[in-house]
Amino acid sequence: MIPEEEIKQLIESNIDDCQATVEVSGSHVNLVVVSPAFEGLNPVKKQQLIYGVLDAHIKSGEIHAVNMKTYTPEQWQQQ
């Protein structure tokens, strides 16, 4: 099982000005990611950005499933 802090650090160091909340349950990961990098991206492009960061862990089987919510800072403030 990959530690929550490792996933958080990986995402925050690879996506500009990003804040991530991570919950891990076995090989399942729940994410809330807020970043201005999502500005102008459709939901699929946002997911692809996250999956790109986690790709090695997904391919290794450490991460089996990812449930993510992605927001721009403006969208997050409206939550």
PDB file of N, CA and C in Angstrom:
ATOM      1  N   MET A   1       0.844  -1.186   0.000  1.00  0.00           N
ATOM      2  CA  MET A   1       0.000   0.000   0.000  1.00  0.00           C
ATOM      3  C   MET A   1       0.889   1.248   0.000  1.00  0.00           C
ATOM      4  N   ILE A   2       0.602   2.138  -0.887  1.00  0.00           N
ATOM      5  CA  ILE A   2       1.371   3.377  -1.003  1.00  0.00           C
ATOM      6  C   ILE A   2       0.864   4.389   0.046  1.00  0.00           C
ATOM      7  N   PRO A   3       1.761   5.024   0.776  1.00  0.00           N
ATOM      8  CA  PRO A   3       1.339   5.977   1.814  1.00  0.00           C
ATOM      9  C   PRO A   3       0.649   7.217   1.237  1.00  0.00           C
ATOM     10  N   GLU A   4      -0.359   7.707   1.958  1.00  0.00           N
ATOM     11  CA  GLU A   4      -1.093   8.903   1.535  1.00  0.00           C
ATOM     12  C   GLU A   4      -0.152  10.074   1.304  1.00  0.00           C
ATOM     13  N   GLU A   5       0.800  10.258   2.202  1.00  0.00           N
ATOM     14  CA  GLU A   5       1.710  11.399   2.110  1.00  0.00           C
ATOM     15  C   GLU A   5       2.556  11.331   0.831  1.00  0.00           C
ATOM     16  N   GLU A   6       2.929  10.119   0.419  1.00  0.00           N
ATOM     17  CA  GLU A   6       3.717   9.958  -0.807  1.00  0.00           C
ATOM     18  C   GLU A   6       2.909  10.360  -2.043  1.00  0.00           C
ATOM     19  N   ILE A   7       1.647   9.965  -2.082  1.00  0.00           N
ATOM     20  CA  ILE A   7       0.778  10.340  -3.205  1.00  0.00           C
ATOM     21  C   ILE A   7       0.567  11.857  -3.220  1.00  0.00           C
ATOM     22  N   LYS A   8       0.299  12.428  -2.052  1.00  0.00           N
ATOM     23  CA  LYS A   8       0.093  13.875  -1.927  1.00  0.00           C
ATOM     24  C   LYS A   8       1.313  14.634  -2.436  1.00  0.00           C
ATOM     25  N   GLN A   9       2.484  14.209  -2.006  1.00  0.00           N
ATOM     26  CA  GLN A   9       3.729  14.865  -2.407  1.00  0.00           C
ATOM     27  C   GLN A   9       3.963  14.726  -3.914  1.00  0.00           C
ATOM     28  N   LEU A  10       3.673  13.549  -4.455  1.00  0.00           N
ATOM     29  CA  LEU A  10       3.838  13.293  -5.880  1.00  0.00           C
ATOM     30  C   LEU A  10       2.948  14.226  -6.706  1.00  0.00           C
ATOM     31  N   ILE A  11       1.690  14.327  -6.325  1.00  0.00           N
ATOM     32  CA  ILE A  11       0.748  15.179  -7.058  1.00  0.00           C
ATOM     33  C   ILE A  11       1.136  16.653  -6.924  1.00  0.00           C
ATOM     34  N   GLU A  12       1.401  17.086  -5.693  1.00  0.00           N
ATOM     35  CA  GLU A  12       1.690  18.501  -5.465  1.00  0.00           C
ATOM     36  C   GLU A  12       3.012  18.942  -6.094  1.00  0.00           C
ATOM     37  N   SER A  13       3.943  18.017  -6.274  1.00  0.00           N
ATOM     38  CA  SER A  13       5.220  18.398  -6.883  1.00  0.00           C
ATOM     39  C   SER A  13       5.175  18.352  -8.416  1.00  0.00           C
ATOM     40  N   ASN A  14       4.129  17.739  -8.977  1.00  0.00           N
ATOM     41  CA  ASN A  14       4.037  17.611 -10.434  1.00  0.00           C
ATOM     42  C   ASN A  14       2.953  18.457 -11.087  1.00  0.00           C
ATOM     43  N   ILE A  15       2.061  19.034 -10.281  1.00  0.00           N
ATOM     44  CA  ILE A  15       1.003  19.886 -10.820  1.00  0.00           C
ATOM     45  C   ILE A  15       1.173  21.262 -10.190  1.00  0.00           C
ATOM     46  N   ASP A  16       1.249  22.284 -11.032  1.00  0.00           N
ATOM     47  CA  ASP A  16       1.538  23.645 -10.576  1.00  0.00           C
ATOM     48  C   ASP A  16       0.569  24.147  -9.511  1.00  0.00           C
ATOM     49  N   ASP A  17       1.133  24.731  -8.457  1.00  0.00           N
ATOM     50  CA  ASP A  17       0.385  25.439  -7.425  1.00  0.00           C
ATOM     51  C   ASP A  17      -0.828  24.641  -6.963  1.00  0.00           C
ATOM     52  N   CYS A  18      -0.586  23.408  -6.602  1.00  0.00           N
ATOM     53  CA  CYS A  18      -1.636  22.435  -6.348  1.00  0.00           C
ATOM     54  C   CYS A  18      -1.763  22.118  -4.866  1.00  0.00           C
ATOM     55  N   GLN A  19      -2.988  21.859  -4.438  1.00  0.00           N
ATOM     56  CA  GLN A  19      -3.256  21.349  -3.103  1.00  0.00           C
ATOM     57  C   GLN A  19      -4.052  20.062  -3.269  1.00  0.00           C
ATOM     58  N   ALA A  20      -3.579  18.991  -2.629  1.00  0.00           N
ATOM     59  CA  ALA A  20      -4.241  17.697  -2.754  1.00  0.00           C
ATOM     60  C   ALA A  20      -4.618  17.156  -1.388  1.00  0.00           C
ATOM     61  N   THR A  21      -5.792  16.549  -1.333  1.00  0.00           N
ATOM     62  CA  THR A  21      -6.232  15.794  -0.165  1.00  0.00           C
ATOM     63  C   THR A  21      -6.315  14.346  -0.617  1.00  0.00           C
ATOM     64  N   VAL A  22      -5.692  13.459   0.145  1.00  0.00           N
ATOM     65  CA  VAL A  22      -5.569  12.062  -0.279  1.00  0.00           C
ATOM     66  C   VAL A  22      -6.068  11.132   0.821  1.00  0.00           C
ATOM     67  N   GLU A  23      -6.873  10.152   0.430  1.00  0.00           N
ATOM     68  CA  GLU A  23      -7.275   9.061   1.313  1.00  0.00           C
ATOM     69  C   GLU A  23      -6.957   7.765   0.600  1.00  0.00           C
ATOM     70  N   VAL A  24      -6.295   6.848   1.300  1.00  0.00           N
ATOM     71  CA  VAL A  24      -5.956   5.560   0.714  1.00  0.00           C
ATOM     72  C   VAL A  24      -6.646   4.460   1.507  1.00  0.00           C
ATOM     73  N   SER A  25      -7.273   3.555   0.785  1.00  0.00           N
ATOM     74  CA  SER A  25      -7.895   2.379   1.397  1.00  0.00           C
ATOM     75  C   SER A  25      -7.462   1.178   0.577  1.00  0.00           C
ATOM     76  N   GLY A  26      -6.427   0.486   1.046  1.00  0.00           N
ATOM     77  CA  GLY A  26      -5.866  -0.620   0.273  1.00  0.00           C
ATOM     78  C   GLY A  26      -5.226  -0.081  -0.993  1.00  0.00           C
ATOM     79  N   SER A  27      -5.695  -0.551  -2.141  1.00  0.00           N
ATOM     80  CA  SER A  27      -5.146  -0.076  -3.415  1.00  0.00           C
ATOM     81  C   SER A  27      -6.061   0.958  -4.070  1.00  0.00           C
ATOM     82  N   HIS A  28      -7.038   1.444  -3.309  1.00  0.00           N
ATOM     83  CA  HIS A  28      -7.969   2.459  -3.804  1.00  0.00           C
ATOM     84  C   HIS A  28      -7.587   3.819  -3.239  1.00  0.00           C
ATOM     85  N   VAL A  29      -7.614   4.829  -4.096  1.00  0.00           N
ATOM     86  CA  VAL A  29      -7.198   6.171  -3.710  1.00  0.00           C
ATOM     87  C   VAL A  29      -8.327   7.160  -4.006  1.00  0.00           C
ATOM     88  N   ASN A  30      -8.658   7.980  -3.012  1.00  0.00           N
ATOM     89  CA  ASN A  30      -9.628   9.063  -3.180  1.00  0.00           C
ATOM     90  C   ASN A  30      -8.870  10.379  -3.130  1.00  0.00           C
ATOM     91  N   LEU A  31      -9.091  11.223  -4.129  1.00  0.00           N
ATOM     92  CA  LEU A  31      -8.367  12.491  -4.235  1.00  0.00           C
ATOM     93  C   LEU A  31      -9.310  13.670  -4.382  1.00  0.00           C
ATOM     94  N   VAL A  32      -8.929  14.775  -3.771  1.00  0.00           N
ATOM     95  CA  VAL A  32      -9.505  16.086  -4.082  1.00  0.00           C
ATOM     96  C   VAL A  32      -8.295  16.946  -4.414  1.00  0.00           C
ATOM     97  N   VAL A  33      -8.268  17.457  -5.643  1.00  0.00           N
ATOM     98  CA  VAL A  33      -7.117  18.229  -6.106  1.00  0.00           C
ATOM     99  C   VAL A  33      -7.591  19.594  -6.592  1.00  0.00           C
ATOM    100  N   VAL A  34      -6.949  20.646  -6.065  1.00  0.00           N
ATOM    101  CA  VAL A  34      -7.288  22.023  -6.436  1.00  0.00           C
ATOM    102  C   VAL A  34      -6.039  22.659  -7.050  1.00  0.00           C
ATOM    103  N   SER A  35      -6.178  23.159  -8.284  1.00  0.00           N
ATOM    104  CA  SER A  35      -5.037  23.778  -8.950  1.00  0.00           C
ATOM    105  C   SER A  35      -5.489  24.701 -10.070  1.00  0.00           C
ATOM    106  N   PRO A  36      -4.792  25.831 -10.233  1.00  0.00           N
ATOM    107  CA  PRO A  36      -5.087  26.681 -11.393  1.00  0.00           C
ATOM    108  C   PRO A  36      -4.695  25.996 -12.708  1.00  0.00           C
ATOM    109  N   ALA A  37      -3.925  24.924 -12.645  1.00  0.00           N
ATOM    110  CA  ALA A  37      -3.548  24.178 -13.853  1.00  0.00           C
ATOM    111  C   ALA A  37      -4.767  23.564 -14.538  1.00  0.00           C
ATOM    112  N   PHE A  38      -5.878  23.434 -13.807  1.00  0.00           N
ATOM    113  CA  PHE A  38      -7.097  22.845 -14.371  1.00  0.00           C
ATOM    114  C   PHE A  38      -7.928  23.864 -15.146  1.00  0.00           C
ATOM    115  N   GLU A  39      -7.544  25.134 -15.077  1.00  0.00           N
ATOM    116  CA  GLU A  39      -8.281  26.206 -15.747  1.00  0.00           C
ATOM    117  C   GLU A  39      -8.408  25.903 -17.240  1.00  0.00           C
ATOM    118  N   GLY A  40      -9.639  25.890 -17.732  1.00  0.00           N
ATOM    119  CA  GLY A  40      -9.883  25.692 -19.156  1.00  0.00           C
ATOM    120  C   GLY A  40      -9.838  24.243 -19.623  1.00  0.00           C
ATOM    121  N   LEU A  41      -9.580  23.296 -18.718  1.00  0.00           N
ATOM    122  CA  LEU A  41      -9.532  21.887 -19.102  1.00  0.00           C
ATOM    123  C   LEU A  41     -10.888  21.225 -18.876  1.00  0.00           C
ATOM    124  N   ASN A  42     -11.255  20.325 -19.783  1.00  0.00           N
ATOM    125  CA  ASN A  42     -12.482  19.565 -19.567  1.00  0.00           C
ATOM    126  C   ASN A  42     -12.193  18.459 -18.546  1.00  0.00           C
ATOM    127  N   PRO A  43     -13.231  17.799 -18.011  1.00  0.00           N
ATOM    128  CA  PRO A  43     -13.010  16.781 -16.977  1.00  0.00           C
ATOM    129  C   PRO A  43     -12.054  15.656 -17.388  1.00  0.00           C
ATOM    130  N   VAL A  44     -12.107  15.227 -18.623  1.00  0.00           N
ATOM    131  CA  VAL A  44     -11.215  14.152 -19.080  1.00  0.00           C
ATOM    132  C   VAL A  44      -9.760  14.605 -19.048  1.00  0.00           C
ATOM    133  N   LYS A  45      -9.490  15.820 -19.498  1.00  0.00           N
ATOM    134  CA  LYS A  45      -8.113  16.350 -19.490  1.00  0.00           C
ATOM    135  C   LYS A  45      -7.592  16.490 -18.057  1.00  0.00           C
ATOM    136  N   LYS A  46      -8.467  16.889 -17.139  1.00  0.00           N
ATOM    137  CA  LYS A  46      -8.068  16.979 -15.737  1.00  0.00           C
ATOM    138  C   LYS A  46      -7.671  15.603 -15.205  1.00  0.00           C
ATOM    139  N   GLN A  47      -8.501  14.595 -15.510  1.00  0.00           N
ATOM    140  CA  GLN A  47      -8.206  13.229 -15.077  1.00  0.00           C
ATOM    141  C   GLN A  47      -6.903  12.729 -15.687  1.00  0.00           C
ATOM    142  N   GLN A  48      -6.682  13.020 -16.958  1.00  0.00           N
ATOM    143  CA  GLN A  48      -5.460  12.582 -17.621  1.00  0.00           C
ATOM    144  C   GLN A  48      -4.225  13.187 -16.956  1.00  0.00           C
ATOM    145  N   LEU A  49      -4.335  14.414 -16.507  1.00  0.00           N
ATOM    146  CA  LEU A  49      -3.234  15.070 -15.817  1.00  0.00           C
ATOM    147  C   LEU A  49      -2.889  14.308 -14.526  1.00  0.00           C
ATOM    148  N   ILE A  50      -3.904  13.955 -13.760  1.00  0.00           N
ATOM    149  CA  ILE A  50      -3.697  13.207 -12.515  1.00  0.00           C
ATOM    150  C   ILE A  50      -3.170  11.802 -12.815  1.00  0.00           C
ATOM    151  N   TYR A  51      -3.801  11.111 -13.750  1.00  0.00           N
ATOM    152  CA  TYR A  51      -3.359   9.757 -14.093  1.00  0.00           C
ATOM    153  C   TYR A  51      -1.910   9.753 -14.581  1.00  0.00           C
ATOM    154  N   GLY A  52      -1.515  10.791 -15.293  1.00  0.00           N
ATOM    155  CA  GLY A  52      -0.131  10.884 -15.761  1.00  0.00           C
ATOM    156  C   GLY A  52       0.855  10.905 -14.602  1.00  0.00           C
ATOM    157  N   VAL A  53       0.494  11.610 -13.535  1.00  0.00           N
ATOM    158  CA  VAL A  53       1.353  11.695 -12.352  1.00  0.00           C
ATOM    159  C   VAL A  53       1.413  10.350 -11.633  1.00  0.00           C
ATOM    160  N   LEU A  54       0.290   9.634 -11.599  1.00  0.00           N
ATOM    161  CA  LEU A  54       0.206   8.374 -10.848  1.00  0.00           C
ATOM    162  C   LEU A  54       0.510   7.142 -11.683  1.00  0.00           C
ATOM    163  N   ASP A  55       0.846   7.324 -12.948  1.00  0.00           N
ATOM    164  CA  ASP A  55       0.981   6.231 -13.915  1.00  0.00           C
ATOM    165  C   ASP A  55       1.852   5.072 -13.429  1.00  0.00           C
ATOM    166  N   ALA A  56       3.025   5.346 -12.913  1.00  0.00           N
ATOM    167  CA  ALA A  56       3.931   4.270 -12.497  1.00  0.00           C
ATOM    168  C   ALA A  56       3.316   3.432 -11.376  1.00  0.00           C
ATOM    169  N   HIS A  57       2.617   4.073 -10.458  1.00  0.00           N
ATOM    170  CA  HIS A  57       1.996   3.351  -9.341  1.00  0.00           C
ATOM    171  C   HIS A  57       0.778   2.556  -9.796  1.00  0.00           C
ATOM    172  N   ILE A  58       0.087   3.048 -10.817  1.00  0.00           N
ATOM    173  CA  ILE A  58      -1.054   2.315 -11.374  1.00  0.00           C
ATOM    174  C   ILE A  58      -0.545   1.087 -12.124  1.00  0.00           C
ATOM    175  N   LYS A  59       0.477   1.272 -12.947  1.00  0.00           N
ATOM    176  CA  LYS A  59       1.032   0.155 -13.722  1.00  0.00           C
ATOM    177  C   LYS A  59       1.628  -0.928 -12.829  1.00  0.00           C
ATOM    178  N   SER A  60       2.194  -0.522 -11.690  1.00  0.00           N
ATOM    179  CA  SER A  60       2.797  -1.503 -10.782  1.00  0.00           C
ATOM    180  C   SER A  60       1.738  -2.263  -9.984  1.00  0.00           C
ATOM    181  N   GLY A  61       0.499  -1.762  -9.984  1.00  0.00           N
ATOM    182  CA  GLY A  61      -0.561  -2.394  -9.225  1.00  0.00           C
ATOM    183  C   GLY A  61      -0.702  -1.851  -7.809  1.00  0.00           C
ATOM    184  N   GLU A  62       0.193  -0.948  -7.412  1.00  0.00           N
ATOM    185  CA  GLU A  62       0.083  -0.332  -6.078  1.00  0.00           C
ATOM    186  C   GLU A  62      -1.232   0.419  -5.947  1.00  0.00           C
ATOM    187  N   ILE A  63      -1.636   1.068  -7.037  1.00  0.00           N
ATOM    188  CA  ILE A  63      -2.917   1.774  -7.078  1.00  0.00           C
ATOM    189  C   ILE A  63      -3.795   1.044  -8.087  1.00  0.00           C
ATOM    190  N   HIS A  64      -4.955   0.598  -7.620  1.00  0.00           N
ATOM    191  CA  HIS A  64      -5.874  -0.136  -8.492  1.00  0.00           C
ATOM    192  C   HIS A  64      -6.991   0.772  -9.007  1.00  0.00           C
ATOM    193  N   ALA A  65      -7.483   1.644  -8.132  1.00  0.00           N
ATOM    194  CA  ALA A  65      -8.596   2.511  -8.519  1.00  0.00           C
ATOM    195  C   ALA A  65      -8.382   3.910  -7.951  1.00  0.00           C
ATOM    196  N   VAL A  66      -8.769   4.914  -8.747  1.00  0.00           N
ATOM    197  CA  VAL A  66      -8.637   6.303  -8.321  1.00  0.00           C
ATOM    198  C   VAL A  66      -9.994   6.982  -8.474  1.00  0.00           C
ATOM    199  N   ASN A  67     -10.471   7.556  -7.389  1.00  0.00           N
ATOM    200  CA  ASN A  67     -11.674   8.371  -7.414  1.00  0.00           C
ATOM    201  C   ASN A  67     -11.202   9.799  -7.188  1.00  0.00           C
ATOM    202  N   MET A  68     -11.436  10.674  -8.151  1.00  0.00           N
ATOM    203  CA  MET A  68     -10.897  12.030  -8.015  1.00  0.00           C
ATOM    204  C   MET A  68     -11.951  13.096  -8.251  1.00  0.00           C
ATOM    205  N   LYS A  69     -11.760  14.185  -7.519  1.00  0.00           N
ATOM    206  CA  LYS A  69     -12.525  15.404  -7.737  1.00  0.00           C
ATOM    207  C   LYS A  69     -11.489  16.483  -7.988  1.00  0.00           C
ATOM    208  N   THR A  70     -11.648  17.186  -9.091  1.00  0.00           N
ATOM    209  CA  THR A  70     -10.670  18.205  -9.484  1.00  0.00           C
ATOM    210  C   THR A  70     -11.359  19.559  -9.596  1.00  0.00           C
ATOM    211  N   TYR A  71     -10.694  20.574  -9.068  1.00  0.00           N
ATOM    212  CA  TYR A  71     -11.270  21.920  -9.048  1.00  0.00           C
ATOM    213  C   TYR A  71     -10.207  22.964  -9.370  1.00  0.00           C
ATOM    214  N   THR A  72     -10.639  24.038 -10.009  1.00  0.00           N
ATOM    215  CA  THR A  72      -9.807  25.233 -10.062  1.00  0.00           C
ATOM    216  C   THR A  72     -10.000  25.928  -8.711  1.00  0.00           C
ATOM    217  N   PRO A  73      -9.110  26.845  -8.328  1.00  0.00           N
ATOM    218  CA  PRO A  73      -9.327  27.553  -7.063  1.00  0.00           C
ATOM    219  C   PRO A  73     -10.690  28.239  -6.981  1.00  0.00           C
ATOM    220  N   GLU A  74     -11.140  28.814  -8.097  1.00  0.00           N
ATOM    221  CA  GLU A  74     -12.439  29.482  -8.124  1.00  0.00           C
ATOM    222  C   GLU A  74     -13.577  28.488  -7.876  1.00  0.00           C
ATOM    223  N   GLN A  75     -13.506  27.332  -8.532  1.00  0.00           N
ATOM    224  CA  GLN A  75     -14.523  26.297  -8.333  1.00  0.00           C
ATOM    225  C   GLN A  75     -14.513  25.807  -6.876  1.00  0.00           C
ATOM    226  N   TRP A  76     -13.327  25.690  -6.305  1.00  0.00           N
ATOM    227  CA  TRP A  76     -13.198  25.208  -4.925  1.00  0.00           C
ATOM    228  C   TRP A  76     -13.839  26.189  -3.956  1.00  0.00           C
ATOM    229  N   GLN A  77     -13.659  27.479  -4.195  1.00  0.00           N
ATOM    230  CA  GLN A  77     -14.252  28.498  -3.316  1.00  0.00           C
ATOM    231  C   GLN A  77     -15.776  28.434  -3.344  1.00  0.00           C
ATOM    232  N   GLN A  78     -16.328  28.002  -4.467  1.00  0.00           N
ATOM    233  CA  GLN A  78     -17.791  27.910  -4.605  1.00  0.00           C
ATOM    234  C   GLN A  78     -18.362  26.659  -3.928  1.00  0.00           C
ATOM    235  N   GLN A  79     -17.504  25.742  -3.536  1.00  0.00           N
ATOM    236  CA  GLN A  79     -17.947  24.499  -2.889  1.00  0.00           C
ATOM    237  C   GLN A  79     -18.399  24.725  -1.474  1.00  0.00           C
TER     238      GLN A  79
END
